[in-house]
PDB file of all heavy atoms in Angstrom:
ATOM      1  N   ALA A   1       0.791  -1.195   0.026  1.00  0.00           N
ATOM      2  CA  ALA A   1       0.002  -0.046  -0.040  1.00  0.00           C
ATOM      3  C   ALA A   1       0.858   1.267   0.012  1.00  0.00           C
ATOM      4  O   ALA A   1       1.938   1.326   0.699  1.00  0.00           O
ATOM      5  CB  ALA A   1      -0.872   0.015   1.226  1.00  0.00           C
ATOM      6  N   LEU A   2       0.461   2.240  -0.851  1.00  0.00           N
ATOM      7  CA  LEU A   2       1.341   3.480  -0.874  1.00  0.00           C
ATOM      8  C   LEU A   2       1.228   4.303   0.450  1.00  0.00           C
ATOM      9  O   LEU A   2       0.162   4.336   1.047  1.00  0.00           O
ATOM     10  CB  LEU A   2       0.845   4.271  -1.939  1.00  0.00           C
ATOM     11  CG  LEU A   2       1.222   3.847  -3.488  1.00  0.00           C
ATOM     12  CD1 LEU A   2       0.482   4.647  -4.573  1.00  0.00           C
ATOM     13  CD2 LEU A   2       2.564   3.982  -3.710  1.00  0.00           C
ATOM     14  N   PRO A   3       2.267   4.966   0.826  1.00  0.00           N
ATOM     15  CA  PRO A   3       2.273   5.849   2.015  1.00  0.00           C
ATOM     16  C   PRO A   3       1.557   7.031   1.712  1.00  0.00           C
ATOM     17  O   PRO A   3       1.402   7.491   0.471  1.00  0.00           O
ATOM     18  CB  PRO A   3       3.812   5.967   2.228  1.00  0.00           C
ATOM     19  CG  PRO A   3       4.335   5.990   0.947  1.00  0.00           C
ATOM     20  CD  PRO A   3       3.551   4.855   0.177  1.00  0.00           C
ATOM     21  N   ALA A   4       1.030   7.835   2.785  1.00  0.00           N
ATOM     22  CA  ALA A   4       0.536   9.061   2.746  1.00  0.00           C
ATOM     23  C   ALA A   4      -0.641   9.236   1.719  1.00  0.00           C
ATOM     24  O   ALA A   4      -0.965  10.342   1.144  1.00  0.00           O
ATOM     25  CB  ALA A   4       1.586  10.100   2.290  1.00  0.00           C
ATOM     26  N   SER A   5      -1.320   8.138   1.503  1.00  0.00           N
ATOM     27  CA  SER A   5      -2.531   8.173   0.760  1.00  0.00           C
ATOM     28  C   SER A   5      -2.222   8.736  -0.674  1.00  0.00           C
ATOM     29  O   SER A   5      -3.151   9.376  -1.249  1.00  0.00           O
ATOM     30  CB  SER A   5      -3.658   8.996   1.418  1.00  0.00           C
ATOM     31  OG  SER A   5      -3.982   8.452   2.564  1.00  0.00           O
ATOM     32  N   ILE A   6      -1.043   8.447  -1.178  1.00  0.00           N
ATOM     33  CA  ILE A   6      -0.760   8.878  -2.512  1.00  0.00           C
ATOM     34  C   ILE A   6      -1.590   8.138  -3.549  1.00  0.00           C
ATOM     35  O   ILE A   6      -1.753   7.019  -3.507  1.00  0.00           O
ATOM     36  CB  ILE A   6       0.806   8.621  -2.769  1.00  0.00           C
ATOM     37  CG1 ILE A   6       1.663   9.355  -1.884  1.00  0.00           C
ATOM     38  CG2 ILE A   6       1.233   9.000  -4.266  1.00  0.00           C
ATOM     39  CD1 ILE A   6       3.146   8.977  -1.839  1.00  0.00           C
ATOM     40  N   ASN A   7      -2.078   8.945  -4.466  1.00  0.00           N
ATOM     41  CA  ASN A   7      -2.802   8.410  -5.599  1.00  0.00           C
ATOM     42  C   ASN A   7      -1.972   8.158  -6.856  1.00  0.00           C
ATOM     43  O   ASN A   7      -1.461   9.204  -7.522  1.00  0.00           O
ATOM     44  CB  ASN A   7      -4.019   9.480  -5.886  1.00  0.00           C
ATOM     45  CG  ASN A   7      -4.997   8.729  -6.845  1.00  0.00           C
ATOM     46  OD1 ASN A   7      -4.690   8.329  -7.848  1.00  0.00           O
ATOM     47  ND2 ASN A   7      -6.268   8.817  -6.467  1.00  0.00           N
ATOM     48  N   GLY A   8      -1.770   6.917  -7.143  1.00  0.00           N
ATOM     49  CA  GLY A   8      -0.932   6.621  -8.342  1.00  0.00           C
ATOM     50  C   GLY A   8      -1.416   7.150  -9.590  1.00  0.00           C
ATOM     51  O   GLY A   8      -0.672   7.455 -10.507  1.00  0.00           O
ATOM     52  N   GLY A   9      -2.718   7.142  -9.839  1.00  0.00           N
ATOM     53  CA  GLY A   9      -3.227   7.585 -11.102  1.00  0.00           C
ATOM     54  C   GLY A   9      -3.006   9.054 -11.235  1.00  0.00           C
ATOM     55  O   GLY A   9      -2.615   9.528 -12.361  1.00  0.00           O
ATOM     56  N   VAL A  10      -3.093   9.817 -10.213  1.00  0.00           N
ATOM     57  CA  VAL A  10      -2.909  11.254 -10.210  1.00  0.00           C
ATOM     58  C   VAL A  10      -1.540  11.496 -10.551  1.00  0.00           C
ATOM     59  O   VAL A  10      -1.114  12.339 -11.440  1.00  0.00           O
ATOM     60  CB  VAL A  10      -3.323  11.905  -8.889  1.00  0.00           C
ATOM     61  CG1 VAL A  10      -2.833  13.436  -8.920  1.00  0.00           C
ATOM     62  CG2 VAL A  10      -4.801  11.825  -8.612  1.00  0.00           C
ATOM     63  N   ILE A  11      -0.528  10.826  -9.970  1.00  0.00           N
ATOM     64  CA  ILE A  11       0.971  11.008 -10.235  1.00  0.00           C
ATOM     65  C   ILE A  11       1.208  10.658 -11.632  1.00  0.00           C
ATOM     66  O   ILE A  11       2.007  11.363 -12.249  1.00  0.00           O
ATOM     67  CB  ILE A  11       1.702  10.151  -9.161  1.00  0.00           C
ATOM     68  CG1 ILE A  11       1.449  10.630  -7.860  1.00  0.00           C
ATOM     69  CG2 ILE A  11       3.121  10.027  -9.503  1.00  0.00           C
ATOM     70  CD1 ILE A  11       1.992   9.639  -6.782  1.00  0.00           C
ATOM     71  N   TYR A  12       0.723   9.631 -12.206  1.00  0.00           N
ATOM     72  CA  TYR A  12       1.073   9.170 -13.499  1.00  0.00           C
ATOM     73  C   TYR A  12       0.658  10.336 -14.515  1.00  0.00           C
ATOM     74  O   TYR A  12       1.449  10.686 -15.418  1.00  0.00           O
ATOM     75  CB  TYR A  12       0.434   7.878 -13.922  1.00  0.00           C
ATOM     76  CG  TYR A  12       0.505   7.617 -15.335  1.00  0.00           C
ATOM     77  CD1 TYR A  12       1.733   7.077 -15.974  1.00  0.00           C
ATOM     78  CD2 TYR A  12      -0.505   7.771 -16.127  1.00  0.00           C
ATOM     79  CE1 TYR A  12       1.773   6.854 -17.296  1.00  0.00           C
ATOM     80  CE2 TYR A  12      -0.552   7.511 -17.547  1.00  0.00           C
ATOM     81  CZ  TYR A  12       0.632   7.042 -18.127  1.00  0.00           C
ATOM     82  OH  TYR A  12       0.795   6.799 -19.423  1.00  0.00           O
ATOM     83  N   GLU A  13      -0.632  10.753 -14.267  1.00  0.00           N
ATOM     84  CA  GLU A  13      -1.077  11.761 -15.298  1.00  0.00           C
ATOM     85  C   GLU A  13      -0.204  13.076 -15.185  1.00  0.00           C
ATOM     86  O   GLU A  13      -0.055  13.731 -16.265  1.00  0.00           O
ATOM     87  CB  GLU A  13      -2.590  12.049 -15.122  1.00  0.00           C
ATOM     88  CG  GLU A  13      -3.464  10.818 -15.360  1.00  0.00           C
ATOM     89  CD  GLU A  13      -3.458  10.432 -16.837  1.00  0.00           C
ATOM     90  OE1 GLU A  13      -3.070  11.265 -17.623  1.00  0.00           O
ATOM     91  OE2 GLU A  13      -3.808   9.321 -17.069  1.00  0.00           O
ATOM     92  N   ARG A  14       0.105  13.473 -13.984  1.00  0.00           N
ATOM     93  CA  ARG A  14       0.827  14.707 -13.826  1.00  0.00           C
ATOM     94  C   ARG A  14       2.254  14.489 -14.512  1.00  0.00           C
ATOM     95  O   ARG A  14       2.761  15.429 -15.221  1.00  0.00           O
ATOM     96  CB  ARG A  14       0.937  15.083 -12.422  1.00  0.00           C
ATOM     97  CG  ARG A  14      -0.353  15.555 -11.835  1.00  0.00           C
ATOM     98  CD  ARG A  14      -0.146  15.998 -10.324  1.00  0.00           C
ATOM     99  NE  ARG A  14      -1.388  16.359  -9.711  1.00  0.00           N
ATOM    100  CZ  ARG A  14      -1.447  16.808  -8.410  1.00  0.00           C
ATOM    101  NH1 ARG A  14      -0.450  16.850  -7.710  1.00  0.00           N
ATOM    102  NH2 ARG A  14      -2.608  17.095  -7.827  1.00  0.00           N
ATOM    103  N   HIS A  15       2.887  13.406 -14.124  1.00  0.00           N
ATOM    104  CA  HIS A  15       4.225  13.088 -14.762  1.00  0.00           C
ATOM    105  C   HIS A  15       4.071  13.125 -16.306  1.00  0.00           C
ATOM    106  O   HIS A  15       5.032  13.665 -16.963  1.00  0.00           O
ATOM    107  CB  HIS A  15       4.693  11.804 -14.285  1.00  0.00           C
ATOM    108  CG  HIS A  15       6.108  11.507 -14.528  1.00  0.00           C
ATOM    109  ND1 HIS A  15       6.659  10.211 -14.372  1.00  0.00           N
ATOM    110  CD2 HIS A  15       7.113  12.259 -14.949  1.00  0.00           C
ATOM    111  CE1 HIS A  15       7.942  10.317 -14.696  1.00  0.00           C
ATOM    112  NE2 HIS A  15       8.248  11.488 -15.114  1.00  0.00           N
ATOM    113  N   TYR A  16       3.104  12.524 -16.798  1.00  0.00           N
ATOM    114  CA  TYR A  16       2.931  12.506 -18.250  1.00  0.00           C
ATOM    115  C   TYR A  16       2.821  13.945 -18.856  1.00  0.00           C
ATOM    116  O   TYR A  16       3.551  14.265 -19.796  1.00  0.00           O
ATOM    117  CB  TYR A  16       1.607  11.624 -18.537  1.00  0.00           C
ATOM    118  CG  TYR A  16       1.454  11.312 -20.024  1.00  0.00           C
ATOM    119  CD1 TYR A  16       1.655  10.091 -20.404  1.00  0.00           C
ATOM    120  CD2 TYR A  16       1.021  12.314 -21.060  1.00  0.00           C
ATOM    121  CE1 TYR A  16       1.493   9.634 -21.837  1.00  0.00           C
ATOM    122  CE2 TYR A  16       0.786  11.860 -22.327  1.00  0.00           C
ATOM    123  CZ  TYR A  16       1.018  10.508 -22.714  1.00  0.00           C
ATOM    124  OH  TYR A  16       0.911  10.187 -24.007  1.00  0.00           O
ATOM    125  N   ALA A  17       2.043  14.767 -18.239  1.00  0.00           N
ATOM    126  CA  ALA A  17       1.772  16.136 -18.713  1.00  0.00           C
ATOM    127  C   ALA A  17       2.983  16.873 -18.536  1.00  0.00           C
ATOM    128  O   ALA A  17       3.517  17.684 -19.441  1.00  0.00           O
ATOM    129  CB  ALA A  17       0.649  16.762 -17.976  1.00  0.00           C
ATOM    130  N   LEU A  18       3.729  16.769 -17.511  1.00  0.00           N
ATOM    131  CA  LEU A  18       5.001  17.577 -17.191  1.00  0.00           C
ATOM    132  C   LEU A  18       6.069  17.079 -18.169  1.00  0.00           C
ATOM    133  O   LEU A  18       6.947  17.942 -18.600  1.00  0.00           O
ATOM    134  CB  LEU A  18       5.411  17.509 -15.673  1.00  0.00           C
ATOM    135  CG  LEU A  18       4.515  18.169 -14.762  1.00  0.00           C
ATOM    136  CD1 LEU A  18       4.775  17.761 -13.364  1.00  0.00           C
ATOM    137  CD2 LEU A  18       4.567  19.744 -14.882  1.00  0.00           C
ATOM    138  N   ASN A  19       6.142  15.793 -18.434  1.00  0.00           N
ATOM    139  CA  ASN A  19       7.203  15.289 -19.416  1.00  0.00           C
ATOM    140  C   ASN A  19       6.917  15.927 -20.802  1.00  0.00           C
ATOM    141  O   ASN A  19       7.785  16.369 -21.481  1.00  0.00           O
ATOM    142  CB  ASN A  19       7.219  13.794 -19.488  1.00  0.00           C
ATOM    143  CG  ASN A  19       8.113  13.233 -18.529  1.00  0.00           C
ATOM    144  OD1 ASN A  19       8.716  13.814 -17.643  1.00  0.00           O
ATOM    145  ND2 ASN A  19       8.295  11.745 -18.503  1.00  0.00           N
ATOM    146  N   TRP A  20       5.706  15.932 -21.053  1.00  0.00           N
ATOM    147  CA  TRP A  20       5.287  16.615 -22.427  1.00  0.00           C
ATOM    148  C   TRP A  20       5.594  18.070 -22.459  1.00  0.00           C
ATOM    149  O   TRP A  20       6.211  18.518 -23.398  1.00  0.00           O
ATOM    150  CB  TRP A  20       3.775  16.407 -22.798  1.00  0.00           C
ATOM    151  CG  TRP A  20       3.339  17.182 -23.994  1.00  0.00           C
ATOM    152  CD1 TRP A  20       3.470  16.707 -25.239  1.00  0.00           C
ATOM    153  CD2 TRP A  20       2.756  18.423 -23.980  1.00  0.00           C
ATOM    154  NE1 TRP A  20       3.035  17.680 -26.148  1.00  0.00           N
ATOM    155  CE2 TRP A  20       2.539  18.757 -25.330  1.00  0.00           C
ATOM    156  CE3 TRP A  20       2.367  19.397 -23.069  1.00  0.00           C
ATOM    157  CZ2 TRP A  20       1.967  19.954 -25.772  1.00  0.00           C
ATOM    158  CZ3 TRP A  20       1.817  20.608 -23.438  1.00  0.00           C
ATOM    159  CH2 TRP A  20       1.637  20.757 -24.800  1.00  0.00           C
ATOM    160  N   LEU A  21       5.335  18.773 -21.408  1.00  0.00           N
ATOM    161  CA  LEU A  21       5.468  20.177 -21.255  1.00  0.00           C
ATOM    162  C   LEU A  21       7.088  20.550 -21.378  1.00  0.00           C
ATOM    163  O   LEU A  21       7.352  21.497 -22.030  1.00  0.00           O
ATOM    164  CB  LEU A  21       4.981  20.678 -19.975  1.00  0.00           C
ATOM    165  CG  LEU A  21       4.686  22.210 -19.697  1.00  0.00           C
ATOM    166  CD1 LEU A  21       3.748  22.382 -18.654  1.00  0.00           C
ATOM    167  CD2 LEU A  21       6.028  22.829 -19.351  1.00  0.00           C
ATOM    168  N   THR A  22       7.895  19.654 -20.807  1.00  0.00           N
ATOM    169  CA  THR A  22       9.306  19.889 -20.809  1.00  0.00           C
ATOM    170  C   THR A  22       9.998  19.142 -21.987  1.00  0.00           C
ATOM    171  O   THR A  22      11.197  19.109 -22.007  1.00  0.00           O
ATOM    172  CB  THR A  22       9.980  19.483 -19.540  1.00  0.00           C
ATOM    173  OG1 THR A  22       9.553  18.100 -19.290  1.00  0.00           O
ATOM    174  CG2 THR A  22       9.358  20.249 -18.337  1.00  0.00           C
ATOM    175  N   ASN A  23       9.242  18.766 -22.991  1.00  0.00           N
ATOM    176  CA  ASN A  23       9.799  18.163 -24.185  1.00  0.00           C
ATOM    177  C   ASN A  23      10.619  16.936 -24.010  1.00  0.00           C
ATOM    178  O   ASN A  23      11.667  16.826 -24.599  1.00  0.00           O
ATOM    179  CB  ASN A  23      10.580  19.166 -25.030  1.00  0.00           C
ATOM    180  CG  ASN A  23       9.741  20.070 -25.930  1.00  0.00           C
ATOM    181  OD1 ASN A  23       9.163  19.472 -26.920  1.00  0.00           O
ATOM    182  ND2 ASN A  23       9.593  21.340 -25.502  1.00  0.00           N
ATOM    183  N   PHE A  24      10.240  16.069 -23.002  1.00  0.00           N
ATOM    184  CA  PHE A  24      10.978  14.810 -22.743  1.00  0.00           C
ATOM    185  C   PHE A  24      11.017  14.020 -23.982  1.00  0.00           C
ATOM    186  O   PHE A  24      10.013  13.613 -24.573  1.00  0.00           O
ATOM    187  CB  PHE A  24      10.219  14.122 -21.605  1.00  0.00           C
ATOM    188  CG  PHE A  24      10.897  12.772 -21.194  1.00  0.00           C
ATOM    189  CD1 PHE A  24      12.222  12.902 -20.429  1.00  0.00           C
ATOM    190  CD2 PHE A  24      10.512  11.543 -21.553  1.00  0.00           C
ATOM    191  CE1 PHE A  24      12.838  11.819 -20.022  1.00  0.00           C
ATOM    192  CE2 PHE A  24      11.165  10.463 -21.136  1.00  0.00           C
ATOM    193  CZ  PHE A  24      12.329  10.554 -20.438  1.00  0.00           C
ATOM    194  N   GLU A  25      12.226  13.711 -24.447  1.00  0.00           N
ATOM    195  CA  GLU A  25      12.431  12.912 -25.645  1.00  0.00           C
ATOM    196  C   GLU A  25      11.836  13.463 -26.890  1.00  0.00           C
ATOM    197  O   GLU A  25      11.698  12.870 -27.917  1.00  0.00           O
ATOM    198  CB  GLU A  25      12.019  11.472 -25.432  1.00  0.00           C
ATOM    199  CG  GLU A  25      12.679  10.710 -24.350  1.00  0.00           C
ATOM    200  CD  GLU A  25      12.306   9.255 -24.265  1.00  0.00           C
ATOM    201  OE1 GLU A  25      11.213   8.936 -24.679  1.00  0.00           O
ATOM    202  OE2 GLU A  25      13.056   8.458 -23.630  1.00  0.00           O
ATOM    203  N   ASN A  26      11.411  14.777 -26.841  1.00  0.00           N
ATOM    204  CA  ASN A  26      10.775  15.516 -27.913  1.00  0.00           C
ATOM    205  C   ASN A  26       9.582  14.782 -28.443  1.00  0.00           C
ATOM    206  O   ASN A  26       9.339  14.730 -29.641  1.00  0.00           O
ATOM    207  CB  ASN A  26      11.805  15.770 -29.071  1.00  0.00           C
ATOM    208  CG  ASN A  26      13.044  16.631 -28.697  1.00  0.00           C
ATOM    209  OD1 ASN A  26      12.804  17.697 -28.114  1.00  0.00           O
ATOM    210  ND2 ASN A  26      14.241  16.158 -28.831  1.00  0.00           N
ATOM    211  N   ALA A  27       8.797  14.104 -27.560  1.00  0.00           N
ATOM    212  CA  ALA A  27       7.730  13.209 -27.979  1.00  0.00           C
ATOM    213  C   ALA A  27       6.483  14.013 -28.205  1.00  0.00           C
ATOM    214  O   ALA A  27       6.184  14.927 -27.406  1.00  0.00           O
ATOM    215  CB  ALA A  27       7.483  12.154 -26.952  1.00  0.00           C
ATOM    216  N   ASP A  28       5.683  13.607 -29.165  1.00  0.00           N
ATOM    217  CA  ASP A  28       4.291  14.244 -29.324  1.00  0.00           C
ATOM    218  C   ASP A  28       3.505  13.625 -28.229  1.00  0.00           C
ATOM    219  O   ASP A  28       3.905  12.662 -27.547  1.00  0.00           O
ATOM    220  CB  ASP A  28       3.755  13.745 -30.723  1.00  0.00           C
ATOM    221  CG  ASP A  28       4.592  14.558 -31.822  1.00  0.00           C
ATOM    222  OD1 ASP A  28       5.010  15.587 -31.721  1.00  0.00           O
ATOM    223  OD2 ASP A  28       4.630  13.880 -32.928  1.00  0.00           O
ATOM    224  N   TRP A  29       2.317  14.217 -28.059  1.00  0.00           N
ATOM    225  CA  TRP A  29       1.448  13.859 -26.902  1.00  0.00           C
ATOM    226  C   TRP A  29       1.164  12.429 -26.796  1.00  0.00           C
ATOM    227  O   TRP A  29       1.212  11.797 -25.750  1.00  0.00           O
ATOM    228  CB  TRP A  29       0.120  14.639 -26.942  1.00  0.00           C
ATOM    229  CG  TRP A  29      -0.828  14.325 -25.753  1.00  0.00           C
ATOM    230  CD1 TRP A  29      -1.915  13.408 -25.784  1.00  0.00           C
ATOM    231  CD2 TRP A  29      -0.722  14.756 -24.462  1.00  0.00           C
ATOM    232  NE1 TRP A  29      -2.476  13.343 -24.661  1.00  0.00           N
ATOM    233  CE2 TRP A  29      -1.711  14.211 -23.758  1.00  0.00           C
ATOM    234  CE3 TRP A  29       0.222  15.627 -23.803  1.00  0.00           C
ATOM    235  CZ2 TRP A  29      -1.842  14.369 -22.310  1.00  0.00           C
ATOM    236  CZ3 TRP A  29      -0.035  15.930 -22.440  1.00  0.00           C
ATOM    237  CH2 TRP A  29      -1.050  15.258 -21.718  1.00  0.00           C
ATOM    238  N   ASP A  30       0.807  11.721 -27.836  1.00  0.00           N
ATOM    239  CA  ASP A  30       0.436  10.263 -27.911  1.00  0.00           C
ATOM    240  C   ASP A  30       1.595   9.427 -27.502  1.00  0.00           C
ATOM    241  O   ASP A  30       1.394   8.293 -27.092  1.00  0.00           O
ATOM    242  CB  ASP A  30      -0.114   9.828 -29.117  1.00  0.00           C
ATOM    243  CG  ASP A  30      -1.583  10.307 -29.410  1.00  0.00           C
ATOM    244  OD1 ASP A  30      -2.112  10.787 -28.475  1.00  0.00           O
ATOM    245  OD2 ASP A  30      -2.052  10.255 -30.614  1.00  0.00           O
ATOM    246  N   ASP A  31       2.857  10.025 -27.700  1.00  0.00           N
ATOM    247  CA  ASP A  31       4.085   9.126 -27.569  1.00  0.00           C
ATOM    248  C   ASP A  31       4.806   9.488 -26.314  1.00  0.00           C
ATOM    249  O   ASP A  31       6.042   8.967 -26.161  1.00  0.00           O
ATOM    250  CB  ASP A  31       4.892   9.291 -28.751  1.00  0.00           C
ATOM    251  CG  ASP A  31       4.212   8.964 -30.050  1.00  0.00           C
ATOM    252  OD1 ASP A  31       3.391   7.993 -29.984  1.00  0.00           O
ATOM    253  OD2 ASP A  31       4.307   9.689 -31.109  1.00  0.00           O
ATOM    254  N   VAL A  32       4.398  10.166 -25.377  1.00  0.00           N
ATOM    255  CA  VAL A  32       5.102  10.606 -24.147  1.00  0.00           C
ATOM    256  C   VAL A  32       5.464   9.409 -23.328  1.00  0.00           C
ATOM    257  O   VAL A  32       4.506   8.541 -23.120  1.00  0.00           O
ATOM    258  CB  VAL A  32       4.345  11.606 -23.367  1.00  0.00           C
ATOM    259  CG1 VAL A  32       5.005  11.905 -21.890  1.00  0.00           C
ATOM    260  CG2 VAL A  32       4.178  12.889 -24.106  1.00  0.00           C
ATOM    261  N   ASP A  33       6.641   9.194 -22.852  1.00  0.00           N
ATOM    262  CA  ASP A  33       7.071   8.158 -21.985  1.00  0.00           C
ATOM    263  C   ASP A  33       7.306   8.763 -20.544  1.00  0.00           C
ATOM    264  O   ASP A  33       7.647   9.911 -20.359  1.00  0.00           O
ATOM    265  CB  ASP A  33       8.310   7.512 -22.507  1.00  0.00           C
ATOM    266  CG  ASP A  33       8.617   6.148 -21.839  1.00  0.00           C
ATOM    267  OD1 ASP A  33       7.664   5.572 -21.214  1.00  0.00           O
ATOM    268  OD2 ASP A  33       9.636   5.644 -22.129  1.00  0.00           O
ATOM    269  N   THR A  34       7.132   7.887 -19.564  1.00  0.00           N
ATOM    270  CA  THR A  34       7.288   8.242 -18.111  1.00  0.00           C
ATOM    271  C   THR A  34       8.252   7.306 -17.401  1.00  0.00           C
ATOM    272  O   THR A  34       7.825   6.666 -16.408  1.00  0.00           O
ATOM    273  CB  THR A  34       6.016   8.434 -17.459  1.00  0.00           C
ATOM    274  OG1 THR A  34       5.264   7.098 -17.466  1.00  0.00           O
ATOM    275  CG2 THR A  34       5.114   9.539 -18.014  1.00  0.00           C
ATOM    276  N   PRO A  35       9.406   6.993 -17.978  1.00  0.00           N
ATOM    277  CA  PRO A  35      10.302   6.026 -17.291  1.00  0.00           C
ATOM    278  C   PRO A  35      10.782   6.637 -15.939  1.00  0.00           C
ATOM    279  O   PRO A  35      10.819   7.799 -15.728  1.00  0.00           O
ATOM    280  CB  PRO A  35      11.575   5.939 -18.259  1.00  0.00           C
ATOM    281  CG  PRO A  35      11.515   7.269 -18.940  1.00  0.00           C
ATOM    282  CD  PRO A  35      10.101   7.649 -19.153  1.00  0.00           C
ATOM    283  N   THR A  36      11.035   5.694 -15.007  1.00  0.00           N
ATOM    284  CA  THR A  36      11.447   6.046 -13.648  1.00  0.00           C
ATOM    285  C   THR A  36      12.730   5.251 -13.229  1.00  0.00           C
ATOM    286  O   THR A  36      13.159   5.294 -12.259  1.00  0.00           O
ATOM    287  CB  THR A  36      10.303   5.731 -12.737  1.00  0.00           C
ATOM    288  OG1 THR A  36       9.843   4.478 -12.753  1.00  0.00           O
ATOM    289  CG2 THR A  36       9.169   6.742 -12.852  1.00  0.00           C
TER     290      THR A  36
END
């Protein structure tokens, strides 16, 4: 179970959006990756 009631779905979507915003791998929206 995740600590501090962290919501994994929320985190994934935010990471996705922020990676797109910062041009991670210069990917278009459909192709954004979120490696950790």
